[in-house]
Amino acid sequence: MTDTDGYGLWFFAFINTAIFIIFAFSFFKPQTDRDWRSFGAFSAFLVALFSEMYGFPLTIYLMSGWLQSSYPGIDWFAHDSGHLLEMLFGWKTNPHFGLFHMLSFILIGFGFWLISAAWRVLYFAQHTGKLATTGPYAHVRHPQYVGFILVLTGFLVQWPTLLTLAMYPVLIWMYSRLAKSEERDTRAAFGKKFDVYAKRVPAFLPYLKTITRQPQ
């Protein structure tokens, strides 16, 4: 298979989508309707991503006129050229070993770890009737949503497309809405205890002091 044979591979698009959705499912383990909505949105992002990565390069086709005129030395329909950030910066290296690809692996890996670590804490808290405040919950109130956003960001850095760029802010808005809905339920269940916790711990972006201190 040559480099220009990198598209129309719908089997690979399906396999990669299925692998990452199953992988995410094993980390997140959705149970409530709210969980399934967030997981469904994440899955839709993956379908759009891998459909362009291996199936039909819609972004390359739509931008082909500008890309060919601005960067005439690049075969934009070769599969490696789909790593747009690597190509646009003109780094003469295999994009799979480039800075953006490595950064994407870090974001994706840390995101999945955060989802998994948060799920274990939340599972124990739910089964003991307690408020989840330890582990990742000692630093942010919604670590699983933060994990999903990190994974989405990692994929976007690795293989940006017009469709996933359009979906990205919508997904962040949706996770923000789901987080607010989740907090209303938690506040109803734990009252002042949750209010004290919410004053101390931010929703999505950790304070430096919550990272460096030991959870109480």
N, C-alpha and C. Protein backbone atom coordinates (compact mmCIF):
# COMPACT_ATOMS: atom_id res chain seq x y z
N MET A 1 0.86 -1.20 0.00
CA MET A 1 0.00 0.00 0.00
C MET A 1 0.88 1.24 0.00
N THR A 2 0.66 2.14 -0.92
CA THR A 2 1.43 3.37 -0.99
C THR A 2 0.81 4.43 -0.11
N ASP A 3 1.55 5.54 0.04
CA ASP A 3 1.07 6.61 0.90
C ASP A 3 -0.24 7.21 0.40
N THR A 4 -0.45 7.22 -0.92
CA THR A 4 -1.66 7.82 -1.46
C THR A 4 -2.86 6.90 -1.35
N ASP A 5 -2.65 5.67 -0.85
CA ASP A 5 -3.75 4.74 -0.66
C ASP A 5 -4.36 4.88 0.73
N GLY A 6 -4.12 5.99 1.41
CA GLY A 6 -4.51 6.12 2.81
C GLY A 6 -5.96 6.46 3.05
N TYR A 7 -6.76 6.64 2.01
CA TYR A 7 -8.18 6.96 2.20
C TYR A 7 -9.05 5.91 1.51
N GLY A 8 -10.34 5.94 1.83
CA GLY A 8 -11.24 4.91 1.33
C GLY A 8 -11.11 3.62 2.11
N LEU A 9 -10.41 3.67 3.24
CA LEU A 9 -10.20 2.49 4.07
C LEU A 9 -11.26 2.46 5.17
N TRP A 10 -12.49 2.21 4.78
CA TRP A 10 -13.60 2.28 5.72
C TRP A 10 -13.52 1.20 6.79
N PHE A 11 -12.89 0.09 6.46
CA PHE A 11 -12.72 -0.96 7.47
C PHE A 11 -11.86 -0.44 8.62
N PHE A 12 -10.75 0.26 8.28
CA PHE A 12 -9.90 0.83 9.33
C PHE A 12 -10.62 1.94 10.09
N ALA A 13 -11.44 2.70 9.39
CA ALA A 13 -12.22 3.74 10.07
C ALA A 13 -13.15 3.11 11.10
N PHE A 14 -13.81 2.02 10.69
CA PHE A 14 -14.73 1.32 11.60
C PHE A 14 -13.98 0.71 12.78
N ILE A 15 -12.86 0.03 12.49
CA ILE A 15 -12.11 -0.64 13.55
C ILE A 15 -11.58 0.35 14.57
N ASN A 16 -10.98 1.45 14.10
CA ASN A 16 -10.44 2.44 15.03
C ASN A 16 -11.53 3.10 15.85
N THR A 17 -12.65 3.42 15.20
CA THR A 17 -13.77 4.00 15.95
C THR A 17 -14.26 3.05 17.02
N ALA A 18 -14.43 1.78 16.65
CA ALA A 18 -14.93 0.79 17.60
C ALA A 18 -13.96 0.60 18.76
N ILE A 19 -12.65 0.53 18.45
CA ILE A 19 -11.65 0.32 19.50
C ILE A 19 -11.68 1.45 20.52
N PHE A 20 -11.69 2.70 20.05
CA PHE A 20 -11.64 3.82 20.98
C PHE A 20 -12.95 4.00 21.73
N ILE A 21 -14.07 3.70 21.09
CA ILE A 21 -15.36 3.79 21.80
C ILE A 21 -15.43 2.73 22.89
N ILE A 22 -15.02 1.51 22.57
CA ILE A 22 -15.03 0.44 23.57
C ILE A 22 -14.03 0.76 24.69
N PHE A 23 -12.87 1.29 24.30
CA PHE A 23 -11.86 1.67 25.28
C PHE A 23 -12.40 2.73 26.23
N ALA A 24 -13.04 3.75 25.66
CA ALA A 24 -13.62 4.81 26.48
C ALA A 24 -14.75 4.27 27.36
N PHE A 25 -15.54 3.36 26.81
CA PHE A 25 -16.63 2.77 27.58
C PHE A 25 -16.10 2.02 28.80
N SER A 26 -14.99 1.30 28.62
CA SER A 26 -14.42 0.54 29.73
C SER A 26 -13.88 1.45 30.82
N PHE A 27 -13.48 2.68 30.46
CA PHE A 27 -12.98 3.65 31.43
C PHE A 27 -14.13 4.39 32.11
N PHE A 28 -15.15 4.75 31.33
CA PHE A 28 -16.20 5.65 31.81
C PHE A 28 -17.37 4.91 32.44
N LYS A 29 -17.76 3.78 31.84
CA LYS A 29 -18.86 2.94 32.33
C LYS A 29 -20.14 3.76 32.56
N PRO A 30 -20.75 4.31 31.50
CA PRO A 30 -21.96 5.13 31.67
C PRO A 30 -23.10 4.35 32.29
N GLN A 31 -23.82 5.02 33.18
CA GLN A 31 -24.94 4.37 33.87
C GLN A 31 -26.22 5.20 33.75
N THR A 32 -26.14 6.49 33.98
CA THR A 32 -27.33 7.34 33.95
C THR A 32 -27.56 7.88 32.54
N ASP A 33 -28.74 8.49 32.34
CA ASP A 33 -29.03 9.13 31.05
C ASP A 33 -28.02 10.22 30.76
N ARG A 34 -27.61 10.94 31.79
CA ARG A 34 -26.62 12.00 31.63
C ARG A 34 -25.28 11.41 31.16
N ASP A 35 -24.90 10.28 31.74
CA ASP A 35 -23.67 9.62 31.33
C ASP A 35 -23.71 9.22 29.86
N TRP A 36 -24.86 8.67 29.45
CA TRP A 36 -24.99 8.20 28.07
C TRP A 36 -24.98 9.35 27.08
N ARG A 37 -25.53 10.51 27.48
CA ARG A 37 -25.49 11.67 26.58
C ARG A 37 -24.06 12.15 26.37
N SER A 38 -23.29 12.23 27.45
CA SER A 38 -21.91 12.68 27.31
C SER A 38 -21.08 11.66 26.53
N PHE A 39 -21.33 10.38 26.77
CA PHE A 39 -20.59 9.35 26.05
C PHE A 39 -21.00 9.31 24.58
N GLY A 40 -22.28 9.53 24.30
CA GLY A 40 -22.76 9.56 22.92
C GLY A 40 -22.14 10.69 22.12
N ALA A 41 -22.03 11.86 22.74
CA ALA A 41 -21.41 13.00 22.05
C ALA A 41 -19.94 12.72 21.77
N PHE A 42 -19.26 12.12 22.73
CA PHE A 42 -17.86 11.75 22.54
C PHE A 42 -17.72 10.75 21.39
N SER A 43 -18.62 9.78 21.34
CA SER A 43 -18.58 8.77 20.28
C SER A 43 -18.83 9.38 18.92
N ALA A 44 -19.73 10.37 18.83
CA ALA A 44 -20.00 11.04 17.56
C ALA A 44 -18.76 11.77 17.06
N PHE A 45 -18.01 12.36 17.98
CA PHE A 45 -16.75 13.02 17.62
C PHE A 45 -15.78 12.02 17.01
N LEU A 46 -15.67 10.83 17.62
CA LEU A 46 -14.76 9.81 17.11
C LEU A 46 -15.19 9.31 15.74
N VAL A 47 -16.49 9.15 15.52
CA VAL A 47 -16.98 8.72 14.21
C VAL A 47 -16.58 9.73 13.15
N ALA A 48 -16.79 11.03 13.44
CA ALA A 48 -16.43 12.08 12.48
C ALA A 48 -14.93 12.10 12.24
N LEU A 49 -14.15 11.93 13.29
CA LEU A 49 -12.69 11.98 13.18
C LEU A 49 -12.15 10.85 12.31
N PHE A 50 -12.50 9.62 12.64
CA PHE A 50 -11.92 8.48 11.92
C PHE A 50 -12.51 8.31 10.52
N SER A 51 -13.71 8.85 10.30
CA SER A 51 -14.27 8.83 8.94
C SER A 51 -13.41 9.66 8.00
N GLU A 52 -12.89 10.79 8.51
CA GLU A 52 -12.00 11.61 7.69
C GLU A 52 -10.57 11.08 7.69
N MET A 53 -10.15 10.50 8.79
CA MET A 53 -8.78 10.02 8.88
C MET A 53 -8.51 8.86 7.93
N TYR A 54 -9.50 7.99 7.77
CA TYR A 54 -9.29 6.81 6.92
C TYR A 54 -10.27 6.69 5.76
N GLY A 55 -11.43 7.33 5.88
CA GLY A 55 -12.45 7.17 4.86
C GLY A 55 -12.39 8.20 3.76
N PHE A 56 -13.01 9.35 4.03
CA PHE A 56 -13.10 10.42 3.02
C PHE A 56 -12.54 11.70 3.61
N PRO A 57 -11.45 12.25 3.06
CA PRO A 57 -10.81 13.45 3.62
C PRO A 57 -11.56 14.73 3.24
N LEU A 58 -12.72 14.93 3.83
CA LEU A 58 -13.57 16.06 3.48
C LEU A 58 -12.85 17.39 3.66
N THR A 59 -12.12 17.55 4.76
CA THR A 59 -11.43 18.81 5.04
C THR A 59 -10.39 19.11 3.97
N ILE A 60 -9.63 18.10 3.56
CA ILE A 60 -8.62 18.29 2.52
C ILE A 60 -9.28 18.69 1.20
N TYR A 61 -10.39 18.06 0.86
CA TYR A 61 -11.08 18.41 -0.38
C TYR A 61 -11.59 19.85 -0.33
N LEU A 62 -12.20 20.24 0.78
CA LEU A 62 -12.77 21.58 0.88
C LEU A 62 -11.68 22.66 0.89
N MET A 63 -10.51 22.34 1.44
CA MET A 63 -9.43 23.31 1.54
C MET A 63 -8.36 23.11 0.47
N SER A 64 -8.61 22.20 -0.47
CA SER A 64 -7.56 21.80 -1.42
C SER A 64 -7.04 22.98 -2.25
N GLY A 65 -7.93 23.88 -2.66
CA GLY A 65 -7.49 25.02 -3.47
C GLY A 65 -6.49 25.88 -2.74
N TRP A 66 -6.79 26.24 -1.50
CA TRP A 66 -5.89 27.08 -0.70
C TRP A 66 -4.63 26.31 -0.34
N LEU A 67 -4.76 25.04 0.02
CA LEU A 67 -3.60 24.25 0.43
C LEU A 67 -2.62 24.08 -0.73
N GLN A 68 -3.13 23.76 -1.92
CA GLN A 68 -2.24 23.53 -3.06
C GLN A 68 -1.53 24.81 -3.50
N SER A 69 -2.24 25.93 -3.42
CA SER A 69 -1.61 27.19 -3.83
C SER A 69 -0.65 27.72 -2.78
N SER A 70 -0.94 27.50 -1.51
CA SER A 70 -0.09 28.02 -0.43
C SER A 70 1.08 27.09 -0.12
N TYR A 71 0.88 25.79 -0.32
CA TYR A 71 1.93 24.80 -0.04
C TYR A 71 2.05 23.86 -1.23
N PRO A 72 2.59 24.34 -2.35
CA PRO A 72 2.59 23.57 -3.59
C PRO A 72 3.47 22.32 -3.56
N GLY A 73 4.39 22.23 -2.65
CA GLY A 73 5.31 21.09 -2.63
C GLY A 73 4.78 19.87 -1.91
N ILE A 74 3.53 19.93 -1.41
CA ILE A 74 2.99 18.83 -0.61
C ILE A 74 1.88 18.12 -1.37
N ASP A 75 1.93 16.79 -1.34
CA ASP A 75 0.82 16.00 -1.88
C ASP A 75 -0.26 15.92 -0.81
N TRP A 76 -1.26 16.78 -0.92
CA TRP A 76 -2.26 16.90 0.14
C TRP A 76 -3.21 15.72 0.22
N PHE A 77 -3.18 14.85 -0.78
CA PHE A 77 -4.05 13.68 -0.74
C PHE A 77 -3.29 12.43 -0.30
N ALA A 78 -2.03 12.60 0.11
CA ALA A 78 -1.32 11.53 0.79
C ALA A 78 -1.81 11.47 2.23
N HIS A 79 -1.84 10.30 2.79
CA HIS A 79 -2.43 10.13 4.12
C HIS A 79 -1.70 10.95 5.19
N ASP A 80 -0.36 10.96 5.13
CA ASP A 80 0.40 11.70 6.15
C ASP A 80 0.08 13.19 6.15
N SER A 81 -0.38 13.71 5.02
CA SER A 81 -0.68 15.14 4.92
C SER A 81 -1.92 15.52 5.72
N GLY A 82 -2.68 14.51 6.15
CA GLY A 82 -3.83 14.79 7.00
C GLY A 82 -3.44 15.33 8.37
N HIS A 83 -2.16 15.14 8.74
CA HIS A 83 -1.66 15.76 9.97
C HIS A 83 -1.40 17.23 9.66
N LEU A 84 -2.45 18.00 9.60
CA LEU A 84 -2.37 19.36 9.07
C LEU A 84 -1.40 20.26 9.83
N LEU A 85 -1.39 20.16 11.14
CA LEU A 85 -0.52 21.04 11.91
C LEU A 85 0.95 20.77 11.60
N GLU A 86 1.30 19.50 11.51
CA GLU A 86 2.69 19.17 11.16
C GLU A 86 3.04 19.70 9.78
N MET A 87 2.11 19.58 8.83
CA MET A 87 2.37 20.02 7.47
C MET A 87 2.44 21.55 7.37
N LEU A 88 1.51 22.23 8.03
CA LEU A 88 1.45 23.69 7.92
C LEU A 88 2.67 24.35 8.56
N PHE A 89 3.23 23.71 9.60
CA PHE A 89 4.43 24.26 10.22
C PHE A 89 5.68 23.91 9.43
N GLY A 90 5.54 23.02 8.46
CA GLY A 90 6.66 22.71 7.58
C GLY A 90 7.77 21.90 8.20
N TRP A 91 7.45 21.13 9.24
CA TRP A 91 8.49 20.32 9.88
C TRP A 91 8.76 19.08 9.03
N LYS A 92 10.01 18.94 8.61
CA LYS A 92 10.40 17.87 7.70
C LYS A 92 10.69 16.59 8.48
N THR A 93 9.67 15.97 8.98
CA THR A 93 9.83 14.73 9.74
C THR A 93 8.57 13.90 9.55
N ASN A 94 8.68 12.63 9.89
CA ASN A 94 7.50 11.78 9.87
C ASN A 94 6.50 12.33 10.87
N PRO A 95 5.28 12.71 10.42
CA PRO A 95 4.33 13.34 11.34
C PRO A 95 3.95 12.47 12.53
N HIS A 96 4.10 11.15 12.40
CA HIS A 96 3.78 10.27 13.52
C HIS A 96 4.78 10.41 14.67
N PHE A 97 5.93 11.03 14.39
CA PHE A 97 6.94 11.26 15.43
C PHE A 97 7.15 12.75 15.67
N GLY A 98 6.23 13.57 15.15
CA GLY A 98 6.34 15.00 15.30
C GLY A 98 5.83 15.48 16.65
N LEU A 99 6.09 16.75 16.94
CA LEU A 99 5.73 17.33 18.23
C LEU A 99 4.23 17.26 18.49
N PHE A 100 3.41 17.60 17.49
CA PHE A 100 1.96 17.61 17.70
C PHE A 100 1.43 16.20 17.95
N HIS A 101 2.00 15.22 17.25
CA HIS A 101 1.55 13.85 17.46
C HIS A 101 1.91 13.38 18.87
N MET A 102 3.12 13.69 19.32
CA MET A 102 3.52 13.32 20.68
C MET A 102 2.66 14.02 21.72
N LEU A 103 2.38 15.31 21.49
CA LEU A 103 1.51 16.05 22.41
C LEU A 103 0.13 15.43 22.46
N SER A 104 -0.37 15.00 21.31
CA SER A 104 -1.70 14.38 21.27
C SER A 104 -1.74 13.10 22.10
N PHE A 105 -0.67 12.31 22.04
CA PHE A 105 -0.61 11.08 22.83
C PHE A 105 -0.64 11.38 24.32
N ILE A 106 0.07 12.43 24.73
CA ILE A 106 0.08 12.81 26.15
C ILE A 106 -1.31 13.23 26.60
N LEU A 107 -1.98 14.07 25.80
CA LEU A 107 -3.32 14.54 26.16
C LEU A 107 -4.31 13.39 26.20
N ILE A 108 -4.27 12.53 25.19
CA ILE A 108 -5.21 11.41 25.13
C ILE A 108 -4.96 10.44 26.29
N GLY A 109 -3.69 10.11 26.52
CA GLY A 109 -3.36 9.19 27.59
C GLY A 109 -3.76 9.71 28.96
N PHE A 110 -3.43 10.99 29.23
CA PHE A 110 -3.78 11.57 30.52
C PHE A 110 -5.29 11.70 30.67
N GLY A 111 -5.98 12.01 29.56
CA GLY A 111 -7.43 12.12 29.61
C GLY A 111 -8.09 10.81 29.99
N PHE A 112 -7.66 9.71 29.36
CA PHE A 112 -8.23 8.41 29.69
C PHE A 112 -7.88 8.00 31.12
N TRP A 113 -6.65 8.30 31.55
CA TRP A 113 -6.29 8.00 32.93
C TRP A 113 -7.19 8.76 33.91
N LEU A 114 -7.45 10.03 33.62
CA LEU A 114 -8.27 10.85 34.50
C LEU A 114 -9.69 10.32 34.57
N ILE A 115 -10.25 9.92 33.43
CA ILE A 115 -11.60 9.35 33.41
C ILE A 115 -11.66 8.10 34.28
N SER A 116 -10.65 7.23 34.12
CA SER A 116 -10.62 5.99 34.88
C SER A 116 -10.46 6.23 36.38
N ALA A 117 -9.51 7.10 36.74
CA ALA A 117 -9.25 7.39 38.15
C ALA A 117 -10.47 8.02 38.81
N ALA A 118 -11.13 8.91 38.10
CA ALA A 118 -12.32 9.57 38.66
C ALA A 118 -13.47 8.58 38.81
N TRP A 119 -13.60 7.66 37.86
CA TRP A 119 -14.69 6.70 37.95
C TRP A 119 -14.57 5.83 39.19
N ARG A 120 -13.36 5.40 39.51
CA ARG A 120 -13.17 4.56 40.70
C ARG A 120 -13.59 5.29 41.97
N VAL A 121 -13.22 6.58 42.08
CA VAL A 121 -13.60 7.36 43.25
C VAL A 121 -15.10 7.56 43.29
N LEU A 122 -15.71 7.89 42.16
CA LEU A 122 -17.14 8.14 42.10
C LEU A 122 -17.94 6.87 42.40
N TYR A 123 -17.46 5.74 41.87
CA TYR A 123 -18.15 4.47 42.10
C TYR A 123 -18.20 4.15 43.59
N PHE A 124 -17.07 4.30 44.28
CA PHE A 124 -17.02 4.04 45.72
C PHE A 124 -17.92 5.01 46.48
N ALA A 125 -17.89 6.29 46.09
CA ALA A 125 -18.70 7.29 46.78
C ALA A 125 -20.20 7.01 46.61
N GLN A 126 -20.60 6.64 45.41
CA GLN A 126 -22.02 6.36 45.15
C GLN A 126 -22.50 5.15 45.95
N HIS A 127 -21.64 4.16 46.10
CA HIS A 127 -22.05 2.94 46.80
C HIS A 127 -21.92 3.05 48.31
N THR A 128 -21.34 4.14 48.78
CA THR A 128 -21.26 4.36 50.23
C THR A 128 -22.09 5.57 50.66
N GLY A 129 -22.76 6.19 49.69
CA GLY A 129 -23.60 7.34 49.99
C GLY A 129 -22.83 8.58 50.39
N LYS A 130 -21.59 8.70 49.92
CA LYS A 130 -20.76 9.85 50.28
C LYS A 130 -20.55 10.77 49.07
N LEU A 131 -20.11 11.97 49.35
CA LEU A 131 -19.74 12.91 48.32
C LEU A 131 -18.31 12.62 47.86
N ALA A 132 -18.11 12.52 46.55
CA ALA A 132 -16.78 12.24 46.01
C ALA A 132 -15.91 13.49 46.14
N THR A 133 -14.88 13.41 46.98
CA THR A 133 -14.00 14.57 47.21
C THR A 133 -12.52 14.20 47.19
N THR A 134 -12.20 12.95 46.93
CA THR A 134 -10.80 12.51 46.96
C THR A 134 -10.30 12.22 45.55
N GLY A 135 -9.01 11.89 45.44
CA GLY A 135 -8.44 11.60 44.13
C GLY A 135 -8.57 12.81 43.21
N PRO A 136 -8.94 12.60 41.97
CA PRO A 136 -9.12 13.73 41.05
C PRO A 136 -10.16 14.72 41.52
N TYR A 137 -11.15 14.26 42.32
CA TYR A 137 -12.20 15.15 42.82
C TYR A 137 -11.67 16.12 43.87
N ALA A 138 -10.46 15.92 44.35
CA ALA A 138 -9.86 16.88 45.27
C ALA A 138 -9.31 18.09 44.52
N HIS A 139 -9.22 18.00 43.20
CA HIS A 139 -8.65 19.07 42.39
C HIS A 139 -9.67 19.76 41.49
N VAL A 140 -10.62 18.99 40.94
CA VAL A 140 -11.70 19.56 40.12
C VAL A 140 -12.98 18.81 40.44
N ARG A 141 -14.11 19.49 40.28
CA ARG A 141 -15.39 18.86 40.61
C ARG A 141 -15.89 17.91 39.53
N HIS A 142 -15.37 18.06 38.31
CA HIS A 142 -15.85 17.23 37.20
C HIS A 142 -14.68 16.63 36.42
N PRO A 143 -13.89 15.79 37.08
CA PRO A 143 -12.69 15.26 36.42
C PRO A 143 -12.99 14.40 35.19
N GLN A 144 -14.12 13.70 35.19
CA GLN A 144 -14.41 12.86 34.03
C GLN A 144 -14.69 13.71 32.79
N TYR A 145 -15.40 14.80 32.96
CA TYR A 145 -15.63 15.70 31.82
C TYR A 145 -14.32 16.34 31.37
N VAL A 146 -13.47 16.69 32.33
CA VAL A 146 -12.16 17.23 31.99
C VAL A 146 -11.37 16.19 31.19
N GLY A 147 -11.48 14.92 31.60
CA GLY A 147 -10.80 13.85 30.88
C GLY A 147 -11.27 13.72 29.45
N PHE A 148 -12.59 13.79 29.24
CA PHE A 148 -13.13 13.72 27.88
C PHE A 148 -12.63 14.89 27.04
N ILE A 149 -12.59 16.08 27.63
CA ILE A 149 -12.13 17.26 26.89
C ILE A 149 -10.66 17.12 26.52
N LEU A 150 -9.85 16.55 27.42
CA LEU A 150 -8.44 16.33 27.11
C LEU A 150 -8.27 15.34 25.96
N VAL A 151 -9.07 14.28 25.96
CA VAL A 151 -8.99 13.30 24.88
C VAL A 151 -9.40 13.94 23.55
N LEU A 152 -10.50 14.69 23.57
CA LEU A 152 -10.95 15.37 22.36
C LEU A 152 -9.89 16.35 21.86
N THR A 153 -9.27 17.08 22.79
CA THR A 153 -8.22 18.03 22.41
C THR A 153 -7.03 17.30 21.79
N GLY A 154 -6.67 16.15 22.37
CA GLY A 154 -5.57 15.37 21.84
C GLY A 154 -5.82 14.92 20.41
N PHE A 155 -7.02 14.42 20.14
CA PHE A 155 -7.35 13.99 18.79
C PHE A 155 -7.38 15.18 17.83
N LEU A 156 -7.83 16.32 18.33
CA LEU A 156 -7.90 17.51 17.48
C LEU A 156 -6.51 18.01 17.12
N VAL A 157 -5.58 17.93 18.07
CA VAL A 157 -4.20 18.32 17.80
C VAL A 157 -3.57 17.36 16.79
N GLN A 158 -3.89 16.09 16.92
CA GLN A 158 -3.29 15.09 16.04
C GLN A 158 -3.82 15.15 14.63
N TRP A 159 -5.15 15.32 14.47
CA TRP A 159 -5.76 15.26 13.15
C TRP A 159 -6.94 16.24 13.08
N PRO A 160 -6.67 17.53 12.94
CA PRO A 160 -7.76 18.51 12.92
C PRO A 160 -8.57 18.42 11.62
N THR A 161 -9.88 18.50 11.75
CA THR A 161 -10.77 18.55 10.59
C THR A 161 -11.80 19.66 10.82
N LEU A 162 -12.41 20.11 9.75
CA LEU A 162 -13.41 21.17 9.88
C LEU A 162 -14.59 20.71 10.73
N LEU A 163 -15.00 19.45 10.55
CA LEU A 163 -16.16 18.96 11.29
C LEU A 163 -15.86 18.82 12.77
N THR A 164 -14.71 18.25 13.11
CA THR A 164 -14.38 18.10 14.53
C THR A 164 -14.08 19.45 15.19
N LEU A 165 -13.51 20.39 14.42
CA LEU A 165 -13.32 21.75 14.95
C LEU A 165 -14.65 22.41 15.27
N ALA A 166 -15.66 22.15 14.43
CA ALA A 166 -17.00 22.70 14.68
C ALA A 166 -17.67 22.01 15.86
N MET A 167 -17.43 20.71 16.01
CA MET A 167 -18.04 19.95 17.10
C MET A 167 -17.41 20.26 18.45
N TYR A 168 -16.13 20.60 18.45
CA TYR A 168 -15.38 20.75 19.69
C TYR A 168 -16.00 21.76 20.67
N PRO A 169 -16.27 23.02 20.26
CA PRO A 169 -16.88 23.95 21.22
C PRO A 169 -18.29 23.54 21.63
N VAL A 170 -19.01 22.89 20.73
CA VAL A 170 -20.36 22.42 21.06
C VAL A 170 -20.29 21.36 22.16
N LEU A 171 -19.32 20.46 22.04
CA LEU A 171 -19.15 19.41 23.06
C LEU A 171 -18.75 20.00 24.40
N ILE A 172 -17.86 20.99 24.38
CA ILE A 172 -17.47 21.63 25.64
C ILE A 172 -18.68 22.31 26.28
N TRP A 173 -19.48 23.00 25.47
CA TRP A 173 -20.71 23.63 25.99
C TRP A 173 -21.65 22.58 26.57
N MET A 174 -21.77 21.43 25.87
CA MET A 174 -22.66 20.38 26.34
C MET A 174 -22.17 19.80 27.66
N TYR A 175 -20.86 19.58 27.77
CA TYR A 175 -20.32 19.06 29.03
C TYR A 175 -20.51 20.06 30.17
N SER A 176 -20.41 21.35 29.85
CA SER A 176 -20.64 22.37 30.86
C SER A 176 -22.09 22.33 31.35
N ARG A 177 -23.04 22.18 30.41
CA ARG A 177 -24.45 22.09 30.79
C ARG A 177 -24.71 20.83 31.62
N LEU A 178 -24.13 19.71 31.21
CA LEU A 178 -24.31 18.47 31.95
C LEU A 178 -23.73 18.59 33.36
N ALA A 179 -22.59 19.28 33.47
CA ALA A 179 -21.97 19.46 34.78
C ALA A 179 -22.87 20.27 35.70
N LYS A 180 -23.49 21.33 35.17
CA LYS A 180 -24.39 22.14 35.99
C LYS A 180 -25.61 21.33 36.43
N SER A 181 -26.13 20.52 35.51
CA SER A 181 -27.26 19.66 35.86
C SER A 181 -26.87 18.66 36.93
N GLU A 182 -25.68 18.11 36.80
CA GLU A 182 -25.17 17.14 37.77
C GLU A 182 -25.01 17.80 39.14
N GLU A 183 -24.55 19.03 39.15
CA GLU A 183 -24.35 19.72 40.43
C GLU A 183 -25.67 20.04 41.12
N ARG A 184 -26.70 20.32 40.35
CA ARG A 184 -28.01 20.56 40.98
C ARG A 184 -28.47 19.31 41.73
N ASP A 185 -28.27 18.14 41.11
CA ASP A 185 -28.66 16.89 41.77
C ASP A 185 -27.80 16.63 43.00
N THR A 186 -26.51 16.91 42.89
CA THR A 186 -25.60 16.67 44.01
C THR A 186 -25.90 17.62 45.17
N ARG A 187 -26.19 18.88 44.83
CA ARG A 187 -26.53 19.85 45.87
C ARG A 187 -27.82 19.45 46.59
N ALA A 188 -28.76 18.93 45.83
CA ALA A 188 -30.02 18.47 46.44
C ALA A 188 -29.79 17.30 47.38
N ALA A 189 -28.79 16.47 47.06
CA ALA A 189 -28.53 15.29 47.87
C ALA A 189 -27.66 15.60 49.09
N PHE A 190 -26.70 16.53 48.97
CA PHE A 190 -25.74 16.75 50.04
C PHE A 190 -25.80 18.13 50.69
N GLY A 191 -26.58 19.04 50.08
CA GLY A 191 -26.80 20.35 50.69
C GLY A 191 -25.56 21.15 50.95
N LYS A 192 -25.42 21.63 52.21
CA LYS A 192 -24.33 22.53 52.56
C LYS A 192 -22.96 21.87 52.39
N LYS A 193 -22.90 20.57 52.57
CA LYS A 193 -21.63 19.86 52.42
C LYS A 193 -21.08 20.04 51.00
N PHE A 194 -21.98 20.00 50.02
CA PHE A 194 -21.54 20.21 48.65
C PHE A 194 -21.15 21.67 48.43
N ASP A 195 -21.89 22.60 49.01
CA ASP A 195 -21.56 24.02 48.85
C ASP A 195 -20.17 24.33 49.38
N VAL A 196 -19.81 23.76 50.52
CA VAL A 196 -18.47 23.96 51.09
C VAL A 196 -17.41 23.38 50.14
N TYR A 197 -17.70 22.20 49.61
CA TYR A 197 -16.77 21.56 48.67
C TYR A 197 -16.63 22.38 47.39
N ALA A 198 -17.75 22.89 46.87
CA ALA A 198 -17.74 23.66 45.63
C ALA A 198 -16.99 24.98 45.79
N LYS A 199 -17.01 25.55 46.99
CA LYS A 199 -16.26 26.79 47.24
C LYS A 199 -14.76 26.53 47.24
N ARG A 200 -14.38 25.34 47.66
CA ARG A 200 -12.97 25.00 47.81
C ARG A 200 -12.35 24.46 46.52
N VAL A 201 -13.14 23.76 45.71
CA VAL A 201 -12.62 23.06 44.53
C VAL A 201 -13.28 23.61 43.27
N PRO A 202 -12.50 24.02 42.27
CA PRO A 202 -13.07 24.56 41.02
C PRO A 202 -13.73 23.47 40.18
N ALA A 203 -14.53 23.90 39.22
CA ALA A 203 -15.29 22.95 38.42
C ALA A 203 -14.41 22.19 37.43
N PHE A 204 -13.60 22.92 36.66
CA PHE A 204 -12.86 22.28 35.57
C PHE A 204 -11.35 22.54 35.59
N LEU A 205 -10.94 23.74 35.94
CA LEU A 205 -9.52 24.09 35.92
C LEU A 205 -8.99 24.13 37.36
N PRO A 206 -8.06 23.23 37.71
CA PRO A 206 -7.60 23.16 39.10
C PRO A 206 -6.77 24.37 39.51
N TYR A 207 -6.94 24.77 40.75
CA TYR A 207 -6.05 25.78 41.32
C TYR A 207 -4.70 25.12 41.60
N LEU A 208 -3.65 25.91 41.53
CA LEU A 208 -2.31 25.38 41.83
C LEU A 208 -2.26 24.84 43.26
N LYS A 209 -2.93 25.51 44.18
CA LYS A 209 -2.86 25.07 45.57
C LYS A 209 -3.56 23.74 45.79
N THR A 210 -4.60 23.42 44.94
CA THR A 210 -5.28 22.14 45.11
C THR A 210 -4.45 21.01 44.52
N ILE A 211 -3.50 21.34 43.65
CA ILE A 211 -2.63 20.31 43.07
C ILE A 211 -1.50 19.97 44.05
N THR A 212 -0.97 21.00 44.70
CA THR A 212 0.21 20.80 45.54
C THR A 212 -0.12 20.33 46.95
N ARG A 213 -1.33 20.59 47.44
CA ARG A 213 -1.62 20.19 48.82
C ARG A 213 -2.19 18.78 48.82
N GLN A 214 -2.11 18.13 49.96
CA GLN A 214 -2.67 16.81 50.14
C GLN A 214 -4.16 16.91 50.42
N PRO A 215 -4.99 16.03 49.79
CA PRO A 215 -6.42 16.06 50.06
C PRO A 215 -6.68 15.75 51.54
N GLN A 216 -7.70 16.44 52.05
CA GLN A 216 -8.03 16.21 53.46
C GLN A 216 -9.06 15.10 53.56
